[in-house]
N, C-alpha and C. Protein backbone atom coordinates (compact mmCIF):
# COMPACT_ATOMS: atom_id res chain seq x y z
N MET A 1 53.67 50.38 -53.93
CA MET A 1 54.37 51.64 -53.73
C MET A 1 53.37 52.70 -53.28
N ASP A 2 53.80 53.52 -52.38
CA ASP A 2 53.00 54.63 -51.86
C ASP A 2 52.57 55.54 -53.02
N PRO A 3 51.29 55.93 -53.10
CA PRO A 3 50.81 56.76 -54.22
C PRO A 3 51.59 58.06 -54.39
N ILE A 4 51.99 58.69 -53.32
CA ILE A 4 52.77 59.94 -53.41
C ILE A 4 54.13 59.67 -54.04
N LYS A 5 54.78 58.59 -53.62
CA LYS A 5 56.07 58.24 -54.20
C LYS A 5 55.92 57.89 -55.68
N LYS A 6 54.83 57.21 -56.00
CA LYS A 6 54.58 56.84 -57.39
C LYS A 6 54.48 58.10 -58.26
N ILE A 7 53.82 59.12 -57.78
CA ILE A 7 53.69 60.39 -58.50
C ILE A 7 55.03 61.11 -58.54
N ALA A 8 55.69 61.17 -57.41
CA ALA A 8 56.93 61.92 -57.29
C ALA A 8 58.05 61.38 -58.18
N TYR A 9 58.05 60.09 -58.45
CA TYR A 9 59.14 59.49 -59.21
C TYR A 9 58.75 59.06 -60.62
N ASN A 10 57.66 59.57 -61.14
CA ASN A 10 57.21 59.16 -62.47
C ASN A 10 57.38 60.30 -63.47
N CYS A 11 58.58 60.45 -64.00
CA CYS A 11 58.87 61.50 -64.97
C CYS A 11 58.14 61.28 -66.30
N ARG A 12 57.94 60.04 -66.67
CA ARG A 12 57.24 59.74 -67.93
C ARG A 12 55.81 60.27 -67.86
N GLN A 13 55.13 60.05 -66.75
CA GLN A 13 53.77 60.55 -66.58
C GLN A 13 53.77 62.08 -66.53
N ALA A 14 54.77 62.65 -65.87
CA ALA A 14 54.85 64.11 -65.76
C ALA A 14 55.03 64.75 -67.14
N THR A 15 55.91 64.20 -67.96
CA THR A 15 56.12 64.79 -69.29
C THR A 15 54.87 64.62 -70.15
N TYR A 16 54.18 63.50 -69.98
CA TYR A 16 52.91 63.31 -70.69
C TYR A 16 51.90 64.39 -70.29
N LEU A 17 51.79 64.64 -68.99
CA LEU A 17 50.84 65.66 -68.51
C LEU A 17 51.24 67.05 -68.95
N ILE A 18 52.53 67.33 -69.00
CA ILE A 18 53.01 68.64 -69.47
C ILE A 18 52.57 68.86 -70.91
N GLU A 19 52.76 67.87 -71.74
CA GLU A 19 52.36 67.99 -73.15
C GLU A 19 50.84 68.03 -73.30
N LYS A 20 50.16 67.18 -72.56
CA LYS A 20 48.69 67.15 -72.63
C LYS A 20 48.11 68.49 -72.21
N GLN A 21 48.69 69.10 -71.20
CA GLN A 21 48.21 70.38 -70.69
C GLN A 21 48.32 71.48 -71.74
N GLN A 22 49.31 71.38 -72.60
CA GLN A 22 49.48 72.40 -73.63
C GLN A 22 48.52 72.22 -74.80
N ILE A 23 48.02 71.01 -74.96
CA ILE A 23 47.10 70.73 -76.05
C ILE A 23 45.64 70.89 -75.62
N SER A 24 45.33 70.41 -74.42
CA SER A 24 43.97 70.49 -73.91
C SER A 24 44.04 70.65 -72.39
N SER A 25 42.90 70.62 -71.77
CA SER A 25 42.90 70.76 -70.31
C SER A 25 43.15 69.41 -69.65
N ILE A 26 43.71 69.47 -68.45
CA ILE A 26 43.92 68.25 -67.69
C ILE A 26 43.02 68.30 -66.46
N THR A 27 42.73 67.14 -65.92
CA THR A 27 41.82 67.07 -64.78
C THR A 27 42.48 67.65 -63.53
N LEU A 28 41.67 67.91 -62.53
CA LEU A 28 42.18 68.42 -61.26
C LEU A 28 43.18 67.44 -60.66
N LYS A 29 42.86 66.16 -60.72
CA LYS A 29 43.76 65.13 -60.20
C LYS A 29 45.11 65.18 -60.92
N GLU A 30 45.07 65.31 -62.24
CA GLU A 30 46.30 65.38 -63.02
C GLU A 30 47.09 66.64 -62.69
N LYS A 31 46.39 67.75 -62.49
CA LYS A 31 47.07 69.00 -62.12
C LYS A 31 47.80 68.84 -60.79
N ILE A 32 47.15 68.20 -59.84
CA ILE A 32 47.76 68.00 -58.52
C ILE A 32 48.97 67.07 -58.65
N GLU A 33 48.81 65.98 -59.39
CA GLU A 33 49.92 65.05 -59.59
C GLU A 33 51.12 65.75 -60.23
N LEU A 34 50.85 66.56 -61.25
CA LEU A 34 51.92 67.27 -61.93
C LEU A 34 52.59 68.27 -61.00
N LYS A 35 51.79 69.00 -60.25
CA LYS A 35 52.34 69.98 -59.30
C LYS A 35 53.24 69.29 -58.27
N ILE A 36 52.80 68.17 -57.74
CA ILE A 36 53.60 67.42 -56.76
C ILE A 36 54.92 66.99 -57.40
N HIS A 37 54.83 66.47 -58.60
CA HIS A 37 56.04 66.00 -59.27
C HIS A 37 57.01 67.16 -59.54
N LEU A 38 56.48 68.25 -60.04
CA LEU A 38 57.34 69.39 -60.40
C LEU A 38 58.00 70.04 -59.18
N MET A 39 57.38 69.89 -58.01
CA MET A 39 57.99 70.44 -56.79
C MET A 39 59.32 69.76 -56.48
N GLY A 40 59.45 68.50 -56.88
CA GLY A 40 60.66 67.78 -56.54
C GLY A 40 61.54 67.39 -57.71
N CYS A 41 61.16 67.75 -58.94
CA CYS A 41 61.93 67.31 -60.10
C CYS A 41 62.31 68.51 -60.97
N SER A 42 63.54 68.95 -60.80
CA SER A 42 63.99 70.12 -61.56
C SER A 42 64.14 69.81 -63.05
N ILE A 43 64.38 68.55 -63.39
CA ILE A 43 64.52 68.18 -64.80
C ILE A 43 63.18 68.32 -65.53
N CYS A 44 62.12 67.84 -64.91
CA CYS A 44 60.79 67.98 -65.53
C CYS A 44 60.34 69.43 -65.55
N LYS A 45 60.73 70.19 -64.55
CA LYS A 45 60.41 71.61 -64.51
C LYS A 45 61.07 72.32 -65.70
N LEU A 46 62.34 71.98 -65.96
CA LEU A 46 63.05 72.54 -67.11
C LEU A 46 62.41 72.07 -68.41
N PHE A 47 62.03 70.79 -68.47
CA PHE A 47 61.35 70.27 -69.65
C PHE A 47 60.07 71.06 -69.92
N GLN A 48 59.31 71.35 -68.88
CA GLN A 48 58.07 72.10 -69.03
C GLN A 48 58.34 73.48 -69.62
N GLN A 49 59.34 74.17 -69.10
CA GLN A 49 59.68 75.50 -69.60
C GLN A 49 60.10 75.44 -71.07
N GLN A 50 60.95 74.47 -71.40
CA GLN A 50 61.42 74.34 -72.78
C GLN A 50 60.28 73.95 -73.72
N SER A 51 59.43 73.05 -73.28
CA SER A 51 58.31 72.61 -74.10
C SER A 51 57.35 73.76 -74.39
N MET A 52 57.08 74.55 -73.37
CA MET A 52 56.19 75.70 -73.55
C MET A 52 56.81 76.70 -74.54
N LEU A 53 58.10 76.93 -74.44
CA LEU A 53 58.78 77.86 -75.34
C LEU A 53 58.76 77.34 -76.77
N ILE A 54 59.05 76.06 -76.94
CA ILE A 54 59.03 75.45 -78.28
C ILE A 54 57.64 75.54 -78.90
N ASN A 55 56.62 75.20 -78.14
CA ASN A 55 55.24 75.27 -78.65
C ASN A 55 54.85 76.69 -79.02
N LYS A 56 55.25 77.64 -78.19
CA LYS A 56 54.94 79.04 -78.46
C LYS A 56 55.63 79.51 -79.75
N MET A 57 56.90 79.16 -79.90
CA MET A 57 57.65 79.56 -81.09
C MET A 57 57.11 78.88 -82.34
N ALA A 58 56.80 77.60 -82.24
CA ALA A 58 56.27 76.87 -83.40
C ALA A 58 54.90 77.42 -83.81
N SER A 59 54.05 77.69 -82.84
CA SER A 59 52.73 78.24 -83.15
C SER A 59 52.85 79.59 -83.84
N LYS A 60 53.72 80.42 -83.34
CA LYS A 60 53.93 81.74 -83.94
C LYS A 60 54.48 81.59 -85.35
N HIS A 61 55.45 80.73 -85.53
CA HIS A 61 56.05 80.52 -86.85
C HIS A 61 55.02 80.06 -87.86
N PHE A 62 54.25 79.04 -87.49
CA PHE A 62 53.28 78.50 -88.43
C PHE A 62 52.12 79.46 -88.67
N ALA A 63 51.77 80.23 -87.66
CA ALA A 63 50.70 81.22 -87.84
C ALA A 63 51.16 82.32 -88.80
N ASP A 64 52.40 82.75 -88.67
CA ASP A 64 52.94 83.81 -89.53
C ASP A 64 53.21 83.32 -90.95
N GLN A 65 53.74 82.12 -91.08
CA GLN A 65 54.18 81.62 -92.37
C GLN A 65 53.07 81.04 -93.24
N HIS A 66 52.02 80.55 -92.63
CA HIS A 66 51.05 79.78 -93.39
C HIS A 66 49.62 80.28 -93.23
N LYS A 67 49.46 81.57 -93.23
CA LYS A 67 48.12 82.13 -93.05
C LYS A 67 47.19 81.82 -94.22
N HIS A 68 47.74 81.78 -95.42
CA HIS A 68 46.90 81.68 -96.60
C HIS A 68 46.99 80.33 -97.30
N ILE A 69 47.48 79.33 -96.62
CA ILE A 69 47.60 78.01 -97.23
C ILE A 69 46.30 77.23 -97.01
N SER A 70 45.82 76.65 -98.08
CA SER A 70 44.65 75.78 -97.98
C SER A 70 44.77 74.69 -99.04
N LEU A 71 44.09 73.59 -98.81
CA LEU A 71 44.14 72.47 -99.74
C LEU A 71 43.15 72.70 -100.88
N ASP A 72 43.55 72.28 -102.06
CA ASP A 72 42.71 72.33 -103.24
C ASP A 72 41.49 71.43 -103.03
N THR A 73 40.34 71.86 -103.49
CA THR A 73 39.10 71.10 -103.31
C THR A 73 39.19 69.71 -103.92
N GLN A 74 39.76 69.61 -105.11
CA GLN A 74 39.89 68.30 -105.77
C GLN A 74 40.81 67.37 -104.96
N PHE A 75 41.89 67.92 -104.41
CA PHE A 75 42.80 67.13 -103.57
C PHE A 75 42.06 66.60 -102.34
N LYS A 76 41.24 67.45 -101.72
CA LYS A 76 40.48 67.02 -100.54
C LYS A 76 39.52 65.88 -100.89
N GLU A 77 38.85 66.03 -102.03
CA GLU A 77 37.90 64.99 -102.44
C GLU A 77 38.62 63.68 -102.73
N ASP A 78 39.76 63.76 -103.42
CA ASP A 78 40.53 62.55 -103.72
C ASP A 78 41.02 61.89 -102.43
N LEU A 79 41.50 62.68 -101.51
CA LEU A 79 41.97 62.17 -100.24
C LEU A 79 40.85 61.51 -99.46
N GLN A 80 39.69 62.13 -99.44
CA GLN A 80 38.54 61.56 -98.75
C GLN A 80 38.14 60.23 -99.38
N GLN A 81 38.21 60.15 -100.70
CA GLN A 81 37.88 58.91 -101.39
C GLN A 81 38.87 57.80 -101.03
N LYS A 82 40.16 58.15 -100.95
CA LYS A 82 41.18 57.16 -100.56
C LYS A 82 40.93 56.67 -99.14
N ILE A 83 40.58 57.57 -98.26
CA ILE A 83 40.29 57.20 -96.87
C ILE A 83 39.09 56.26 -96.82
N ASN A 84 38.05 56.63 -97.52
CA ASN A 84 36.85 55.79 -97.55
C ASN A 84 37.15 54.40 -98.12
N ASP A 85 37.95 54.35 -99.19
CA ASP A 85 38.30 53.08 -99.79
C ASP A 85 39.06 52.20 -98.80
N ARG A 86 40.00 52.79 -98.08
CA ARG A 86 40.79 52.01 -97.11
C ARG A 86 39.92 51.54 -95.94
N LEU A 87 39.01 52.39 -95.50
CA LEU A 87 38.14 52.02 -94.38
C LEU A 87 37.23 50.86 -94.75
N HIS A 88 36.74 50.86 -95.97
CA HIS A 88 35.80 49.83 -96.39
C HIS A 88 36.51 48.58 -96.91
N LYS A 89 37.81 48.69 -97.10
CA LYS A 89 38.61 47.55 -97.58
C LYS A 89 38.73 46.47 -96.50
N ASN A 90 38.80 46.87 -95.25
CA ASN A 90 38.99 45.92 -94.14
C ASN A 90 37.72 45.37 -93.66
C-alpha cells in the first residue's frame, strides 16, 4: 500500500498519536503523519478536540480536588516491600 494512503486511512494510529501528543512530545515524522490524517478525517479531528477537552477538564479537576493528598510513609514502605518481594519471586 502507498505510504500516504497507509497514513490517511489509519485511524488507530492517528488516535494513538493524538493521545501520545497530549502526554509527551511526538517526533516530526509523527506530527506530519497526524497532520496528513487529520486533513482528511473529520472523525479523528473531532476525537482530538474531545480528547483535549477531557484531558484539560480531568487535569483541572484533579489539581483542584487533590492538592493536599499524599501517601503515608509506612504505606509507601510496605508497598515498596511488596513490589520488591514480587520482583525477586520470579
